[in-house]
Amino acid sequence: MKRCLNFTTFAAALALSSLLALPALAQTDEVPSVRNFPKTALRGVLVVRAPPEISLNGKPDRLSPGARIRNINNNYVLSGSLLGQELLVNYTRDSSGQVYEVWILNPEEAKEKRAGLNTRNFSFGFESVTAPQDDGKTPYNQLPRYKQ
């Protein structure tokens, strides 16, 4: 009775196992074209001024302690590496109102509609009603008449 394998038996077993082995699922660097963002995430234009001071949609704001910024590959980046860059982002705020999570958007994500970029909580009366404008070429007899 043989208790050890000779080289030819070992080589045959190795060749057979390599033929039957399933392909390994390796990690890839591919990033999904569109990430899933929280429903509470808002859209904005972020400029890092002097961390943690930022400008969000042209207004001064602040990153919260422990804020997380993700680039288009979904990797974390430090705010200091983004100084002065104007970036289209989705962001969320923490309970104190400071910016907590930031995702820098790729072109496919930027096409999606999201609240926050051009929204206002007010509208002026003159913006909702468009008055007729005179281009300077209206004949005199067609100008509006005013009561005297």
C-alpha atoms as a PDB file:
ATOM      1  CA  MET A   1       0.000   0.000   0.000  1.00  0.00           C
ATOM      2  CA  LYS A   2       1.456   3.323  -1.081  1.00  0.00           C
ATOM      3  CA  ARG A   3       1.121   6.126   1.436  1.00  0.00           C
ATOM      4  CA  CYS A   4       2.494   9.029  -0.618  1.00  0.00           C
ATOM      5  CA  LEU A   5       1.784  10.284  -4.100  1.00  0.00           C
ATOM      6  CA  ASN A   6       4.429  10.290  -6.753  1.00  0.00           C
ATOM      7  CA  PHE A   7       5.005  13.294  -9.007  1.00  0.00           C
ATOM      8  CA  THR A   8       2.955  12.067 -11.965  1.00  0.00           C
ATOM      9  CA  THR A   9      -0.112  11.395  -9.826  1.00  0.00           C
ATOM     10  CA  PHE A  10       0.210  14.812  -8.209  1.00  0.00           C
ATOM     11  CA  ALA A  11       0.586  16.568 -11.603  1.00  0.00           C
ATOM     12  CA  ALA A  12      -2.444  14.747 -12.995  1.00  0.00           C
ATOM     13  CA  ALA A  13      -4.543  15.718  -9.966  1.00  0.00           C
ATOM     14  CA  LEU A  14      -3.437  19.340 -10.287  1.00  0.00           C
ATOM     15  CA  ALA A  15      -4.283  19.447 -14.010  1.00  0.00           C
ATOM     16  CA  LEU A  16      -7.707  17.911 -13.382  1.00  0.00           C
ATOM     17  CA  SER A  17      -8.503  20.354 -10.599  1.00  0.00           C
ATOM     18  CA  SER A  18      -7.517  23.340 -12.773  1.00  0.00           C
ATOM     19  CA  LEU A  19      -9.825  22.121 -15.554  1.00  0.00           C
ATOM     20  CA  LEU A  20     -12.775  21.686 -13.219  1.00  0.00           C
ATOM     21  CA  ALA A  21     -12.223  24.831 -11.168  1.00  0.00           C
ATOM     22  CA  LEU A  22     -14.746  27.568 -11.577  1.00  0.00           C
ATOM     23  CA  PRO A  23     -13.502  31.001 -12.562  1.00  0.00           C
ATOM     24  CA  ALA A  24     -12.827  33.126  -9.533  1.00  0.00           C
ATOM     25  CA  LEU A  25     -14.950  36.194  -8.979  1.00  0.00           C
ATOM     26  CA  ALA A  26     -12.327  38.895  -8.856  1.00  0.00           C
ATOM     27  CA  GLN A  27     -12.959  42.416  -7.749  1.00  0.00           C
ATOM     28  CA  THR A  28     -13.107  44.833 -10.625  1.00  0.00           C
ATOM     29  CA  ASP A  29     -12.516  48.543 -10.826  1.00  0.00           C
ATOM     30  CA  GLU A  30     -15.773  49.034 -12.691  1.00  0.00           C
ATOM     31  CA  VAL A  31     -18.139  51.371 -10.934  1.00  0.00           C
ATOM     32  CA  PRO A  32     -21.857  51.272 -11.652  1.00  0.00           C
ATOM     33  CA  SER A  33     -22.791  54.149 -13.939  1.00  0.00           C
ATOM     34  CA  VAL A  34     -25.428  55.444 -11.511  1.00  0.00           C
ATOM     35  CA  ARG A  35     -25.169  55.024  -7.747  1.00  0.00           C
ATOM     36  CA  ASN A  36     -28.151  54.792  -5.414  1.00  0.00           C
ATOM     37  CA  PHE A  37     -28.436  57.954  -3.320  1.00  0.00           C
ATOM     38  CA  PRO A  38     -30.650  58.500  -0.274  1.00  0.00           C
ATOM     39  CA  LYS A  39     -34.019  60.070  -1.037  1.00  0.00           C
ATOM     40  CA  THR A  40     -33.101  62.975   1.247  1.00  0.00           C
ATOM     41  CA  ALA A  41     -29.992  63.844  -0.787  1.00  0.00           C
ATOM     42  CA  LEU A  42     -30.033  67.262  -2.438  1.00  0.00           C
ATOM     43  CA  ARG A  43     -28.178  68.539  -5.516  1.00  0.00           C
ATOM     44  CA  GLY A  44     -25.733  71.423  -5.336  1.00  0.00           C
ATOM     45  CA  VAL A  45     -22.521  73.007  -6.541  1.00  0.00           C
ATOM     46  CA  LEU A  46     -19.758  72.586  -3.947  1.00  0.00           C
ATOM     47  CA  VAL A  47     -16.558  74.602  -3.650  1.00  0.00           C
ATOM     48  CA  VAL A  48     -14.189  73.790  -0.768  1.00  0.00           C
ATOM     49  CA  ARG A  49     -12.752  77.091   0.498  1.00  0.00           C
ATOM     50  CA  ALA A  50     -10.722  76.287   3.635  1.00  0.00           C
ATOM     51  CA  PRO A  51     -11.844  73.005   5.206  1.00  0.00           C
ATOM     52  CA  PRO A  52     -14.299  72.736   6.897  1.00  0.00           C
ATOM     53  CA  GLU A  53     -15.543  75.977   5.307  1.00  0.00           C
ATOM     54  CA  ILE A  54     -17.262  75.398   1.966  1.00  0.00           C
ATOM     55  CA  SER A  55     -19.475  77.233  -0.463  1.00  0.00           C
ATOM     56  CA  LEU A  56     -22.641  75.402  -1.446  1.00  0.00           C
ATOM     57  CA  ASN A  57     -24.698  76.873  -4.296  1.00  0.00           C
ATOM     58  CA  GLY A  58     -22.789  80.119  -3.892  1.00  0.00           C
ATOM     59  CA  LYS A  59     -23.585  80.496  -0.176  1.00  0.00           C
ATOM     60  CA  PRO A  60     -21.153  79.882   2.694  1.00  0.00           C
ATOM     61  CA  ASP A  61     -21.680  76.596   4.514  1.00  0.00           C
ATOM     62  CA  ARG A  62     -19.726  74.155   6.670  1.00  0.00           C
ATOM     63  CA  LEU A  63     -18.778  70.476   6.617  1.00  0.00           C
ATOM     64  CA  SER A  64     -19.723  68.593   9.759  1.00  0.00           C
ATOM     65  CA  PRO A  65     -17.072  66.860  11.853  1.00  0.00           C
ATOM     66  CA  GLY A  66     -16.454  63.481  10.220  1.00  0.00           C
ATOM     67  CA  ALA A  67     -17.971  64.520   6.901  1.00  0.00           C
ATOM     68  CA  ARG A  68     -17.590  61.924   4.147  1.00  0.00           C
ATOM     69  CA  ILE A  69     -16.838  62.970   0.585  1.00  0.00           C
ATOM     70  CA  ARG A  70     -16.909  60.341  -2.174  1.00  0.00           C
ATOM     71  CA  ASN A  71     -15.493  60.866  -5.659  1.00  0.00           C
ATOM     72  CA  ILE A  72     -16.981  59.534  -8.915  1.00  0.00           C
ATOM     73  CA  ASN A  73     -15.372  56.123  -8.254  1.00  0.00           C
ATOM     74  CA  ASN A  74     -17.122  56.010  -4.858  1.00  0.00           C
ATOM     75  CA  ASN A  75     -13.797  56.285  -2.993  1.00  0.00           C
ATOM     76  CA  TYR A  76     -13.407  58.577  -0.009  1.00  0.00           C
ATOM     77  CA  VAL A  77     -11.412  61.756  -0.642  1.00  0.00           C
ATOM     78  CA  LEU A  78     -10.174  64.423   1.735  1.00  0.00           C
ATOM     79  CA  SER A  79     -11.677  67.878   1.504  1.00  0.00           C
ATOM     80  CA  GLY A  80      -8.224  69.449   1.252  1.00  0.00           C
ATOM     81  CA  SER A  81      -7.634  67.748  -2.094  1.00  0.00           C
ATOM     82  CA  LEU A  82     -10.671  69.535  -3.557  1.00  0.00           C
ATOM     83  CA  LEU A  83      -9.672  73.120  -2.739  1.00  0.00           C
ATOM     84  CA  GLY A  84     -11.097  75.668  -5.175  1.00  0.00           C
ATOM     85  CA  GLN A  85     -12.742  73.128  -7.498  1.00  0.00           C
ATOM     86  CA  GLU A  86     -16.361  73.721  -8.503  1.00  0.00           C
ATOM     87  CA  LEU A  87     -18.057  70.314  -8.272  1.00  0.00           C
ATOM     88  CA  LEU A  88     -21.609  69.156  -8.981  1.00  0.00           C
ATOM     89  CA  VAL A  89     -22.596  67.010  -5.993  1.00  0.00           C
ATOM     90  CA  ASN A  90     -25.403  65.317  -4.128  1.00  0.00           C
ATOM     91  CA  TYR A  91     -25.263  65.934  -0.386  1.00  0.00           C
ATOM     92  CA  THR A  92     -27.059  65.283   2.877  1.00  0.00           C
ATOM     93  CA  ARG A  93     -27.069  67.240   6.124  1.00  0.00           C
ATOM     94  CA  ASP A  94     -26.766  66.035   9.692  1.00  0.00           C
ATOM     95  CA  SER A  95     -29.105  66.916  12.562  1.00  0.00           C
ATOM     96  CA  SER A  96     -27.301  70.208  13.217  1.00  0.00           C
ATOM     97  CA  GLY A  97     -27.715  71.329   9.592  1.00  0.00           C
ATOM     98  CA  GLN A  98     -24.102  70.894   8.496  1.00  0.00           C
ATOM     99  CA  VAL A  99     -23.138  69.031   5.326  1.00  0.00           C
ATOM    100  CA  TYR A 100     -22.387  65.425   6.290  1.00  0.00           C
ATOM    101  CA  GLU A 101     -22.254  63.208   3.176  1.00  0.00           C
ATOM    102  CA  VAL A 102     -21.148  64.371  -0.277  1.00  0.00           C
ATOM    103  CA  TRP A 103     -21.075  62.440  -3.544  1.00  0.00           C
ATOM    104  CA  ILE A 104     -19.252  63.967  -6.509  1.00  0.00           C
ATOM    105  CA  LEU A 105     -21.360  63.165  -9.564  1.00  0.00           C
ATOM    106  CA  ASN A 106     -20.320  61.571 -12.832  1.00  0.00           C
ATOM    107  CA  PRO A 107     -22.018  62.726 -16.085  1.00  0.00           C
ATOM    108  CA  GLU A 108     -24.718  60.002 -15.990  1.00  0.00           C
ATOM    109  CA  GLU A 109     -25.689  60.886 -12.411  1.00  0.00           C
ATOM    110  CA  ALA A 110     -25.709  64.592 -13.207  1.00  0.00           C
ATOM    111  CA  LYS A 111     -28.449  64.045 -15.809  1.00  0.00           C
ATOM    112  CA  GLU A 112     -30.889  62.804 -13.158  1.00  0.00           C
ATOM    113  CA  LYS A 113     -33.312  65.322 -11.670  1.00  0.00           C
ATOM    114  CA  ARG A 114     -32.924  66.035  -7.962  1.00  0.00           C
ATOM    115  CA  ALA A 115     -34.175  68.778  -5.685  1.00  0.00           C
ATOM    116  CA  GLY A 116     -31.894  71.381  -4.218  1.00  0.00           C
ATOM    117  CA  LEU A 117     -29.963  73.122  -6.971  1.00  0.00           C
ATOM    118  CA  ASN A 118     -32.324  75.807  -8.268  1.00  0.00           C
ATOM    119  CA  THR A 119     -35.088  75.672  -5.702  1.00  0.00           C
ATOM    120  CA  ARG A 120     -36.260  78.612  -3.633  1.00  0.00           C
ATOM    121  CA  ASN A 121     -38.749  78.916  -0.819  1.00  0.00           C
ATOM    122  CA  PHE A 122     -40.124  82.187  -2.158  1.00  0.00           C
ATOM    123  CA  SER A 123     -41.176  83.880  -5.390  1.00  0.00           C
ATOM    124  CA  PHE A 124     -41.658  87.515  -6.114  1.00  0.00           C
ATOM    125  CA  GLY A 125     -44.973  88.712  -7.543  1.00  0.00           C
ATOM    126  CA  PHE A 126     -43.422  90.260 -10.619  1.00  0.00           C
ATOM    127  CA  GLU A 127     -41.704  86.973 -11.538  1.00  0.00           C
ATOM    128  CA  SER A 128     -44.959  85.064 -11.850  1.00  0.00           C
ATOM    129  CA  VAL A 129     -46.728  87.594 -14.113  1.00  0.00           C
ATOM    130  CA  THR A 130     -45.082  88.463 -17.387  1.00  0.00           C
ATOM    131  CA  ALA A 131     -46.073  91.919 -18.564  1.00  0.00           C
ATOM    132  CA  PRO A 132     -45.935  92.768 -22.255  1.00  0.00           C
ATOM    133  CA  GLN A 133     -42.641  94.348 -23.214  1.00  0.00           C
ATOM    134  CA  ASP A 134     -42.288  97.186 -25.716  1.00  0.00           C
ATOM    135  CA  ASP A 135     -39.478  96.575 -28.167  1.00  0.00           C
ATOM    136  CA  GLY A 136     -39.482 100.209 -29.342  1.00  0.00           C
ATOM    137  CA  LYS A 137     -40.976  99.353 -32.716  1.00  0.00           C
ATOM    138  CA  THR A 138     -44.660  99.519 -31.750  1.00  0.00           C
ATOM    139  CA  PRO A 139     -46.556 102.150 -33.788  1.00  0.00           C
ATOM    140  CA  TYR A 140     -47.947 105.059 -31.779  1.00  0.00           C
ATOM    141  CA  ASN A 141     -51.570 104.256 -32.523  1.00  0.00           C
ATOM    142  CA  GLN A 142     -51.154 100.730 -31.102  1.00  0.00           C
ATOM    143  CA  LEU A 143     -49.676 101.777 -27.733  1.00  0.00           C
ATOM    144  CA  PRO A 144     -51.868 101.122 -24.672  1.00  0.00           C
ATOM    145  CA  ARG A 145     -54.103 103.986 -23.618  1.00  0.00           C
ATOM    146  CA  TYR A 146     -54.209 105.087 -19.994  1.00  0.00           C
ATOM    147  CA  LYS A 147     -57.163 106.686 -18.232  1.00  0.00           C
ATOM    148  CA  GLN A 148     -56.667 110.310 -17.278  1.00  0.00           C
END
